[in-house]
């Protein structure tokens, strides 16, 4: 199998895994702590391989997440497109931050994502969410170093490097 094909399969496989991780049910008390996996994986790829991650890809992954999750069509597509836009805009800075600063930047991006979700849902007529609604970005930011290091290590072990 050619290197380009392996790179493409690895890239697509990680995005599919992120969508599957999103579908894992959790008990009701810890459901608000569930990180937004597609955002974390798309952030990783937008930092490591900006030529592969585009706004169109983020939109398509978001529509897929909408379909899998059964929410308003376009809700997650909007969120992921905004997240990837900001990540690509500041990619040159974010890539070279130390891990603790990168984690804080990811927290800011995930909080922005949560604010967008809040606006969409409240303007759609849903009641105000509970305080635990705002915990998910903090959990996602706590997972960021692990997601980044695991994906980077697997990419290095498989010798998948961008040309």
N, C-alpha and C. Protein backbone atom coordinates (compact mmCIF):
# COMPACT_ATOMS: atom_id res chain seq x y z
N UNK A 1 0.85 -1.17 0.00
CA UNK A 1 0.00 0.00 0.00
C UNK A 1 0.90 1.25 0.00
N UNK A 2 0.55 2.22 -0.77
CA UNK A 2 1.38 3.42 -0.89
C UNK A 2 1.29 4.28 0.37
N UNK A 3 2.31 5.10 0.55
CA UNK A 3 2.35 5.97 1.72
C UNK A 3 1.19 6.97 1.72
N UNK A 4 0.86 7.49 0.54
CA UNK A 4 -0.24 8.47 0.46
C UNK A 4 -1.55 7.82 0.88
N UNK A 5 -1.74 6.58 0.48
CA UNK A 5 -2.98 5.88 0.85
C UNK A 5 -3.03 5.61 2.35
N UNK A 6 -1.89 5.23 2.93
CA UNK A 6 -1.83 4.98 4.37
C UNK A 6 -2.12 6.27 5.13
N UNK A 7 -1.53 7.39 4.66
CA UNK A 7 -1.79 8.68 5.31
C UNK A 7 -3.27 9.03 5.24
N UNK A 8 -3.88 8.81 4.09
CA UNK A 8 -5.30 9.12 3.93
C UNK A 8 -6.18 8.26 4.82
N UNK A 9 -5.86 6.96 4.90
CA UNK A 9 -6.64 6.06 5.75
C UNK A 9 -6.47 6.41 7.23
N UNK A 10 -5.26 6.76 7.63
CA UNK A 10 -5.01 7.13 9.02
C UNK A 10 -5.79 8.40 9.38
N UNK A 11 -5.76 9.37 8.49
CA UNK A 11 -6.48 10.63 8.70
C UNK A 11 -7.98 10.37 8.81
N UNK A 12 -8.55 9.67 7.85
CA UNK A 12 -9.99 9.38 7.86
C UNK A 12 -10.36 8.50 9.05
N UNK A 13 -9.50 7.55 9.38
CA UNK A 13 -9.77 6.66 10.51
C UNK A 13 -9.85 7.40 11.83
N UNK A 14 -8.97 8.37 12.02
CA UNK A 14 -9.02 9.12 13.28
C UNK A 14 -10.29 9.96 13.38
N UNK A 15 -10.75 10.49 12.25
CA UNK A 15 -11.99 11.27 12.28
C UNK A 15 -13.20 10.38 12.55
N UNK A 16 -13.19 9.17 11.99
CA UNK A 16 -14.29 8.23 12.26
C UNK A 16 -14.26 7.82 13.73
N UNK A 17 -13.07 7.58 14.28
CA UNK A 17 -12.95 7.23 15.70
C UNK A 17 -13.49 8.37 16.57
N UNK A 18 -13.23 9.61 16.18
CA UNK A 18 -13.74 10.73 16.97
C UNK A 18 -15.27 10.76 16.97
N UNK A 19 -15.86 10.44 15.82
CA UNK A 19 -17.33 10.39 15.77
C UNK A 19 -17.88 9.24 16.60
N UNK A 20 -17.18 8.12 16.59
CA UNK A 20 -17.63 6.98 17.40
C UNK A 20 -17.47 7.26 18.90
N UNK A 21 -16.38 7.94 19.27
CA UNK A 21 -16.21 8.31 20.68
C UNK A 21 -17.31 9.24 21.16
N UNK A 22 -17.78 10.08 20.23
CA UNK A 22 -18.86 11.00 20.56
C UNK A 22 -20.15 10.26 20.89
N UNK A 23 -20.32 9.07 20.31
CA UNK A 23 -21.56 8.32 20.48
C UNK A 23 -21.59 7.45 21.73
N UNK A 24 -20.47 7.32 22.42
CA UNK A 24 -20.43 6.46 23.61
C UNK A 24 -21.33 7.06 24.69
N UNK A 25 -22.33 6.28 25.14
CA UNK A 25 -23.22 6.82 26.18
C UNK A 25 -22.53 6.80 27.55
N UNK A 26 -22.81 7.79 28.33
CA UNK A 26 -22.29 7.88 29.69
C UNK A 26 -23.46 7.97 30.65
N UNK A 27 -23.26 7.60 31.91
CA UNK A 27 -24.33 7.77 32.90
C UNK A 27 -24.72 9.25 33.02
N UNK A 28 -25.96 9.48 33.34
CA UNK A 28 -26.51 10.85 33.39
C UNK A 28 -25.69 11.81 34.26
N UNK A 29 -25.20 11.38 35.44
CA UNK A 29 -24.46 12.35 36.27
C UNK A 29 -23.15 12.84 35.63
N UNK A 30 -22.51 12.00 34.81
CA UNK A 30 -21.25 12.45 34.22
C UNK A 30 -21.38 12.81 32.74
N UNK A 31 -22.57 12.76 32.19
CA UNK A 31 -22.78 13.13 30.79
C UNK A 31 -22.30 14.56 30.47
N UNK A 32 -22.51 15.55 31.35
CA UNK A 32 -22.03 16.91 31.04
C UNK A 32 -20.51 17.01 30.96
N UNK A 33 -19.78 16.01 31.48
CA UNK A 33 -18.32 16.05 31.46
C UNK A 33 -17.73 15.48 30.18
N UNK A 34 -18.55 14.97 29.31
CA UNK A 34 -18.07 14.32 28.09
C UNK A 34 -17.45 15.34 27.15
N UNK A 35 -16.17 15.13 26.78
CA UNK A 35 -15.53 16.09 25.87
C UNK A 35 -16.09 15.98 24.46
N UNK A 36 -15.92 17.02 23.70
CA UNK A 36 -16.39 17.06 22.32
C UNK A 36 -15.26 16.52 21.44
N UNK A 37 -15.26 15.20 21.25
CA UNK A 37 -14.17 14.50 20.57
C UNK A 37 -13.89 14.98 19.14
N UNK A 38 -14.91 15.17 18.31
CA UNK A 38 -14.58 15.64 16.94
C UNK A 38 -13.82 16.96 16.94
N UNK A 39 -14.11 17.84 17.89
CA UNK A 39 -13.39 19.11 17.96
C UNK A 39 -11.92 18.87 18.32
N UNK A 40 -11.67 17.99 19.27
CA UNK A 40 -10.28 17.73 19.67
C UNK A 40 -9.49 17.11 18.53
N UNK A 41 -10.09 16.16 17.83
CA UNK A 41 -9.38 15.50 16.73
C UNK A 41 -9.17 16.46 15.56
N UNK A 42 -10.16 17.27 15.24
CA UNK A 42 -9.99 18.25 14.16
C UNK A 42 -8.97 19.32 14.55
N UNK A 43 -8.91 19.68 15.81
CA UNK A 43 -7.88 20.62 16.25
C UNK A 43 -6.49 20.03 16.07
N UNK A 44 -6.33 18.77 16.43
CA UNK A 44 -5.04 18.13 16.23
C UNK A 44 -4.63 18.18 14.76
N UNK A 45 -5.55 17.77 13.89
CA UNK A 45 -5.21 17.71 12.47
C UNK A 45 -5.04 19.10 11.87
N UNK A 46 -5.76 20.08 12.37
CA UNK A 46 -5.57 21.42 11.82
C UNK A 46 -4.22 22.01 12.24
N UNK A 47 -3.70 21.59 13.37
CA UNK A 47 -2.37 22.03 13.78
C UNK A 47 -1.27 21.25 13.08
N UNK A 48 -1.48 19.98 12.85
CA UNK A 48 -0.43 19.14 12.28
C UNK A 48 -0.45 19.06 10.76
N UNK A 49 -1.60 19.24 10.16
CA UNK A 49 -1.70 19.06 8.72
C UNK A 49 -2.75 20.02 8.16
N UNK A 50 -2.37 21.27 8.05
CA UNK A 50 -3.35 22.27 7.64
C UNK A 50 -3.82 22.10 6.21
N UNK A 51 -3.03 21.43 5.37
CA UNK A 51 -3.46 21.25 3.98
C UNK A 51 -4.58 20.22 3.86
N UNK A 52 -4.72 19.34 4.82
CA UNK A 52 -5.79 18.34 4.79
C UNK A 52 -7.09 18.87 5.40
N UNK A 53 -6.97 19.68 6.42
CA UNK A 53 -8.16 20.16 7.14
C UNK A 53 -8.59 21.49 6.53
N UNK A 54 -9.78 21.50 6.00
CA UNK A 54 -10.36 22.71 5.42
C UNK A 54 -11.68 22.99 6.11
N UNK A 55 -12.24 24.14 5.81
CA UNK A 55 -13.54 24.47 6.37
C UNK A 55 -14.61 23.53 5.82
N UNK A 56 -14.45 23.12 4.57
CA UNK A 56 -15.39 22.17 3.98
C UNK A 56 -15.36 20.82 4.67
N UNK A 57 -14.16 20.35 5.01
CA UNK A 57 -14.04 19.09 5.74
C UNK A 57 -14.68 19.22 7.12
N UNK A 58 -14.41 20.33 7.80
CA UNK A 58 -15.00 20.53 9.13
C UNK A 58 -16.52 20.54 9.03
N UNK A 59 -17.05 21.18 7.99
CA UNK A 59 -18.50 21.20 7.80
C UNK A 59 -19.03 19.79 7.57
N UNK A 60 -18.35 19.00 6.74
CA UNK A 60 -18.81 17.63 6.45
C UNK A 60 -18.74 16.74 7.69
N UNK A 61 -17.67 16.86 8.46
CA UNK A 61 -17.57 16.10 9.71
C UNK A 61 -18.69 16.53 10.65
N UNK A 62 -18.98 17.82 10.69
CA UNK A 62 -20.05 18.32 11.54
C UNK A 62 -21.41 17.81 11.12
N UNK A 63 -21.66 17.75 9.81
CA UNK A 63 -22.94 17.20 9.34
C UNK A 63 -23.02 15.72 9.69
N UNK A 64 -21.91 15.00 9.53
CA UNK A 64 -21.89 13.59 9.94
C UNK A 64 -22.16 13.44 11.43
N UNK A 65 -21.57 14.32 12.24
CA UNK A 65 -21.81 14.29 13.68
C UNK A 65 -23.26 14.62 14.00
N UNK A 66 -23.84 15.55 13.25
CA UNK A 66 -25.26 15.88 13.44
C UNK A 66 -26.13 14.67 13.16
N UNK A 67 -25.83 13.98 12.09
CA UNK A 67 -26.63 12.80 11.71
C UNK A 67 -26.45 11.69 12.74
N UNK A 68 -25.21 11.44 13.16
CA UNK A 68 -24.96 10.39 14.14
C UNK A 68 -25.61 10.70 15.48
N UNK A 69 -25.53 11.96 15.89
CA UNK A 69 -26.00 12.36 17.21
C UNK A 69 -27.49 12.66 17.25
N UNK A 70 -28.09 12.89 16.08
CA UNK A 70 -29.52 13.14 16.03
C UNK A 70 -29.92 14.52 16.52
N UNK A 71 -29.07 15.50 16.31
CA UNK A 71 -29.39 16.87 16.71
C UNK A 71 -29.78 17.68 15.48
N UNK A 72 -30.09 18.94 15.70
CA UNK A 72 -30.46 19.85 14.63
C UNK A 72 -29.40 19.83 13.54
N UNK A 73 -29.82 19.56 12.32
CA UNK A 73 -28.87 19.45 11.21
C UNK A 73 -28.18 20.79 10.97
N UNK A 74 -26.86 20.77 11.05
CA UNK A 74 -26.06 21.96 10.84
C UNK A 74 -25.51 22.56 12.13
N UNK A 75 -26.02 22.11 13.26
CA UNK A 75 -25.58 22.66 14.55
C UNK A 75 -24.10 22.38 14.78
N UNK A 76 -23.70 21.13 14.71
CA UNK A 76 -22.31 20.79 14.93
C UNK A 76 -21.44 21.19 13.74
N UNK A 77 -22.05 21.24 12.56
CA UNK A 77 -21.31 21.70 11.39
C UNK A 77 -20.88 23.15 11.57
N UNK A 78 -21.78 23.98 12.07
CA UNK A 78 -21.46 25.38 12.35
C UNK A 78 -20.35 25.48 13.39
N UNK A 79 -20.49 24.71 14.46
CA UNK A 79 -19.52 24.77 15.55
C UNK A 79 -18.13 24.33 15.09
N UNK A 80 -18.06 23.21 14.37
CA UNK A 80 -16.76 22.71 13.94
C UNK A 80 -16.13 23.61 12.88
N UNK A 81 -16.95 24.19 12.02
CA UNK A 81 -16.42 25.10 11.01
C UNK A 81 -15.82 26.34 11.67
N UNK A 82 -16.50 26.89 12.65
CA UNK A 82 -15.97 28.06 13.37
C UNK A 82 -14.69 27.70 14.11
N UNK A 83 -14.66 26.53 14.74
CA UNK A 83 -13.49 26.09 15.49
C UNK A 83 -12.29 25.92 14.57
N UNK A 84 -12.49 25.25 13.44
CA UNK A 84 -11.38 25.02 12.51
C UNK A 84 -10.93 26.34 11.88
N UNK A 85 -11.87 27.24 11.60
CA UNK A 85 -11.48 28.54 11.06
C UNK A 85 -10.52 29.26 11.99
N UNK A 86 -10.86 29.30 13.27
CA UNK A 86 -10.01 29.99 14.24
C UNK A 86 -8.67 29.26 14.39
N UNK A 87 -8.73 27.93 14.43
CA UNK A 87 -7.49 27.15 14.59
C UNK A 87 -6.57 27.35 13.39
N UNK A 88 -7.11 27.35 12.19
CA UNK A 88 -6.27 27.55 11.01
C UNK A 88 -5.74 28.98 10.94
N UNK A 89 -6.54 29.91 11.40
CA UNK A 89 -6.11 31.32 11.39
C UNK A 89 -4.90 31.54 12.30
N UNK A 90 -4.89 30.87 13.45
CA UNK A 90 -3.80 31.04 14.41
C UNK A 90 -2.86 29.83 14.45
N UNK A 91 -2.89 29.01 13.44
CA UNK A 91 -2.09 27.78 13.39
C UNK A 91 -0.60 28.03 13.61
N UNK A 92 -0.06 29.03 12.94
CA UNK A 92 1.39 29.26 13.03
C UNK A 92 1.82 29.61 14.45
N UNK A 93 0.95 30.20 15.22
CA UNK A 93 1.28 30.51 16.62
C UNK A 93 1.03 29.31 17.52
N UNK A 94 -0.12 28.68 17.34
CA UNK A 94 -0.51 27.58 18.23
C UNK A 94 0.45 26.40 18.15
N UNK A 95 0.97 26.12 16.97
CA UNK A 95 1.85 24.95 16.81
C UNK A 95 3.08 25.01 17.68
N UNK A 96 3.58 26.21 17.93
CA UNK A 96 4.85 26.34 18.63
C UNK A 96 4.69 26.75 20.09
N UNK A 97 3.47 26.79 20.57
CA UNK A 97 3.25 27.03 21.98
C UNK A 97 3.72 25.82 22.77
N UNK A 98 4.20 26.02 24.00
CA UNK A 98 4.41 24.87 24.88
C UNK A 98 3.05 24.22 25.18
N UNK A 99 3.09 22.99 25.62
CA UNK A 99 1.85 22.23 25.79
C UNK A 99 0.87 22.93 26.74
N UNK A 100 1.35 23.55 27.81
CA UNK A 100 0.42 24.19 28.74
C UNK A 100 -0.27 25.37 28.08
N UNK A 101 0.44 26.13 27.24
CA UNK A 101 -0.20 27.24 26.55
C UNK A 101 -1.15 26.74 25.47
N UNK A 102 -0.76 25.67 24.81
CA UNK A 102 -1.64 25.07 23.81
C UNK A 102 -2.93 24.59 24.46
N UNK A 103 -2.81 24.02 25.64
CA UNK A 103 -3.99 23.55 26.37
C UNK A 103 -4.91 24.72 26.73
N UNK A 104 -4.35 25.83 27.13
CA UNK A 104 -5.17 27.01 27.42
C UNK A 104 -5.84 27.54 26.15
N UNK A 105 -5.13 27.50 25.04
CA UNK A 105 -5.72 27.94 23.77
C UNK A 105 -6.86 27.01 23.36
N UNK A 106 -6.66 25.70 23.57
CA UNK A 106 -7.71 24.74 23.26
C UNK A 106 -8.91 24.97 24.18
N UNK A 107 -8.67 25.29 25.43
CA UNK A 107 -9.77 25.63 26.34
C UNK A 107 -10.56 26.82 25.80
N UNK A 108 -9.87 27.84 25.33
CA UNK A 108 -10.55 29.00 24.77
C UNK A 108 -11.36 28.63 23.54
N UNK A 109 -10.81 27.78 22.68
CA UNK A 109 -11.54 27.35 21.48
C UNK A 109 -12.76 26.52 21.85
N UNK A 110 -12.62 25.64 22.84
CA UNK A 110 -13.74 24.82 23.27
C UNK A 110 -14.81 25.66 23.99
N UNK A 111 -14.39 26.69 24.70
CA UNK A 111 -15.37 27.59 25.32
C UNK A 111 -16.13 28.36 24.24
N UNK A 112 -15.43 28.79 23.21
CA UNK A 112 -16.09 29.46 22.09
C UNK A 112 -17.10 28.52 21.44
N UNK A 113 -16.73 27.27 21.30
CA UNK A 113 -17.64 26.27 20.75
C UNK A 113 -18.88 26.13 21.63
N UNK A 114 -18.67 26.12 22.92
CA UNK A 114 -19.78 25.96 23.86
C UNK A 114 -20.71 27.17 23.83
N UNK A 115 -20.13 28.37 23.66
CA UNK A 115 -20.94 29.58 23.55
C UNK A 115 -21.79 29.53 22.28
N UNK A 116 -21.21 29.07 21.17
CA UNK A 116 -21.98 28.92 19.93
C UNK A 116 -23.14 27.95 20.11
N UNK A 117 -22.86 26.82 20.77
CA UNK A 117 -23.91 25.85 21.03
C UNK A 117 -25.00 26.45 21.91
N UNK A 118 -24.59 27.19 22.92
CA UNK A 118 -25.54 27.87 23.81
C UNK A 118 -26.45 28.81 23.02
N UNK A 119 -25.85 29.62 22.14
CA UNK A 119 -26.63 30.57 21.35
C UNK A 119 -27.61 29.87 20.42
N UNK A 120 -27.14 28.81 19.75
CA UNK A 120 -28.01 28.09 18.83
C UNK A 120 -29.19 27.48 19.58
N UNK A 121 -28.92 26.86 20.70
CA UNK A 121 -29.98 26.18 21.43
C UNK A 121 -30.95 27.15 22.11
N UNK A 122 -30.43 28.21 22.70
CA UNK A 122 -31.31 29.16 23.38
C UNK A 122 -32.14 29.93 22.35
N UNK A 123 -31.53 30.31 21.24
CA UNK A 123 -32.30 30.99 20.20
C UNK A 123 -33.29 30.03 19.53
N UNK A 124 -33.03 28.74 19.65
CA UNK A 124 -33.96 27.74 19.13
C UNK A 124 -35.12 27.45 20.07
N UNK A 125 -35.13 28.07 21.24
CA UNK A 125 -36.26 27.91 22.15
C UNK A 125 -36.04 26.96 23.30
N UNK A 126 -34.86 26.42 23.46
CA UNK A 126 -34.61 25.53 24.60
C UNK A 126 -34.39 26.36 25.86
N UNK A 127 -34.66 25.77 27.03
CA UNK A 127 -34.43 26.52 28.28
C UNK A 127 -32.94 26.68 28.55
N UNK A 128 -32.61 27.56 29.48
CA UNK A 128 -31.22 27.79 29.85
C UNK A 128 -30.62 26.50 30.40
N UNK A 129 -29.41 26.16 29.99
CA UNK A 129 -28.79 24.93 30.49
C UNK A 129 -28.31 25.08 31.93
N UNK A 130 -28.12 23.96 32.62
CA UNK A 130 -27.61 24.03 34.00
C UNK A 130 -26.14 24.44 34.01
N UNK A 131 -25.62 24.71 35.19
CA UNK A 131 -24.22 25.16 35.32
C UNK A 131 -23.24 24.09 34.85
N UNK A 132 -23.59 22.81 34.99
CA UNK A 132 -22.69 21.72 34.57
C UNK A 132 -22.46 21.72 33.06
N UNK A 133 -23.28 22.43 32.32
CA UNK A 133 -23.15 22.55 30.88
C UNK A 133 -21.78 23.11 30.48
N UNK A 134 -21.21 23.95 31.33
CA UNK A 134 -19.95 24.63 31.02
C UNK A 134 -18.72 23.83 31.45
N UNK A 135 -18.88 22.61 31.95
CA UNK A 135 -17.74 21.82 32.39
C UNK A 135 -17.03 21.07 31.26
N UNK A 136 -17.76 20.75 30.22
CA UNK A 136 -17.20 19.96 29.12
C UNK A 136 -15.94 20.56 28.49
N UNK A 137 -15.87 21.87 28.25
CA UNK A 137 -14.63 22.42 27.69
C UNK A 137 -13.41 22.22 28.59
N UNK A 138 -13.62 22.26 29.90
CA UNK A 138 -12.51 22.06 30.81
C UNK A 138 -12.01 20.61 30.76
N UNK A 139 -12.95 19.68 30.64
CA UNK A 139 -12.56 18.27 30.52
C UNK A 139 -11.85 18.04 29.19
N UNK A 140 -12.36 18.64 28.12
CA UNK A 140 -11.72 18.52 26.82
C UNK A 140 -10.31 19.09 26.83
N UNK A 141 -10.13 20.23 27.48
CA UNK A 141 -8.80 20.82 27.59
C UNK A 141 -7.87 19.93 28.43
N UNK A 142 -8.42 19.28 29.46
CA UNK A 142 -7.60 18.37 30.27
C UNK A 142 -7.17 17.15 29.44
N UNK A 143 -8.02 16.71 28.51
CA UNK A 143 -7.67 15.58 27.65
C UNK A 143 -6.75 15.97 26.50
N UNK A 144 -6.66 17.26 26.17
CA UNK A 144 -5.91 17.70 25.00
C UNK A 144 -4.46 17.19 24.97
N UNK A 145 -3.67 17.33 26.04
CA UNK A 145 -2.29 16.83 25.94
C UNK A 145 -2.22 15.34 25.63
N UNK A 146 -3.15 14.57 26.16
CA UNK A 146 -3.16 13.13 25.91
C UNK A 146 -3.55 12.83 24.47
N UNK A 147 -4.58 13.51 23.98
CA UNK A 147 -5.01 13.32 22.59
C UNK A 147 -3.87 13.69 21.66
N UNK A 148 -3.25 14.83 21.90
CA UNK A 148 -2.17 15.30 21.04
C UNK A 148 -1.01 14.32 21.05
N UNK A 149 -0.58 13.93 22.24
CA UNK A 149 0.60 13.05 22.33
C UNK A 149 0.32 11.65 21.79
N UNK A 150 -0.87 11.12 22.02
CA UNK A 150 -1.19 9.78 21.52
C UNK A 150 -1.25 9.79 20.00
N UNK A 151 -1.96 10.77 19.42
CA UNK A 151 -2.04 10.82 17.96
C UNK A 151 -0.68 11.10 17.33
N UNK A 152 0.11 11.95 17.96
CA UNK A 152 1.44 12.25 17.44
C UNK A 152 2.35 11.02 17.53
N UNK A 153 2.26 10.29 18.64
CA UNK A 153 3.08 9.09 18.80
C UNK A 153 2.68 8.01 17.80
N UNK A 154 1.38 7.80 17.62
CA UNK A 154 0.93 6.80 16.66
C UNK A 154 1.33 7.19 15.23
N UNK A 155 1.26 8.47 14.94
CA UNK A 155 1.66 8.94 13.62
C UNK A 155 3.16 8.70 13.40
N UNK A 156 3.97 8.91 14.44
CA UNK A 156 5.41 8.69 14.33
C UNK A 156 5.72 7.19 14.22
N UNK A 157 5.01 6.37 14.98
CA UNK A 157 5.25 4.92 14.92
C UNK A 157 4.87 4.33 13.56
N UNK A 158 3.82 4.88 12.98
CA UNK A 158 3.42 4.41 11.66
C UNK A 158 4.20 5.10 10.55
N UNK A 159 5.08 6.01 10.97
CA UNK A 159 5.91 6.78 10.02
C UNK A 159 5.07 7.51 8.99
N UNK A 160 4.02 8.12 9.48
CA UNK A 160 3.14 8.89 8.61
C UNK A 160 3.48 10.35 8.81
N UNK A 161 4.21 10.89 7.87
CA UNK A 161 4.60 12.31 7.94
C UNK A 161 4.12 13.00 6.69
N UNK A 162 3.76 14.22 6.86
CA UNK A 162 3.31 15.00 5.71
C UNK A 162 4.50 15.36 4.87
N UNK A 163 4.32 15.28 3.56
CA UNK A 163 5.42 15.59 2.63
C UNK A 163 5.58 17.08 2.48
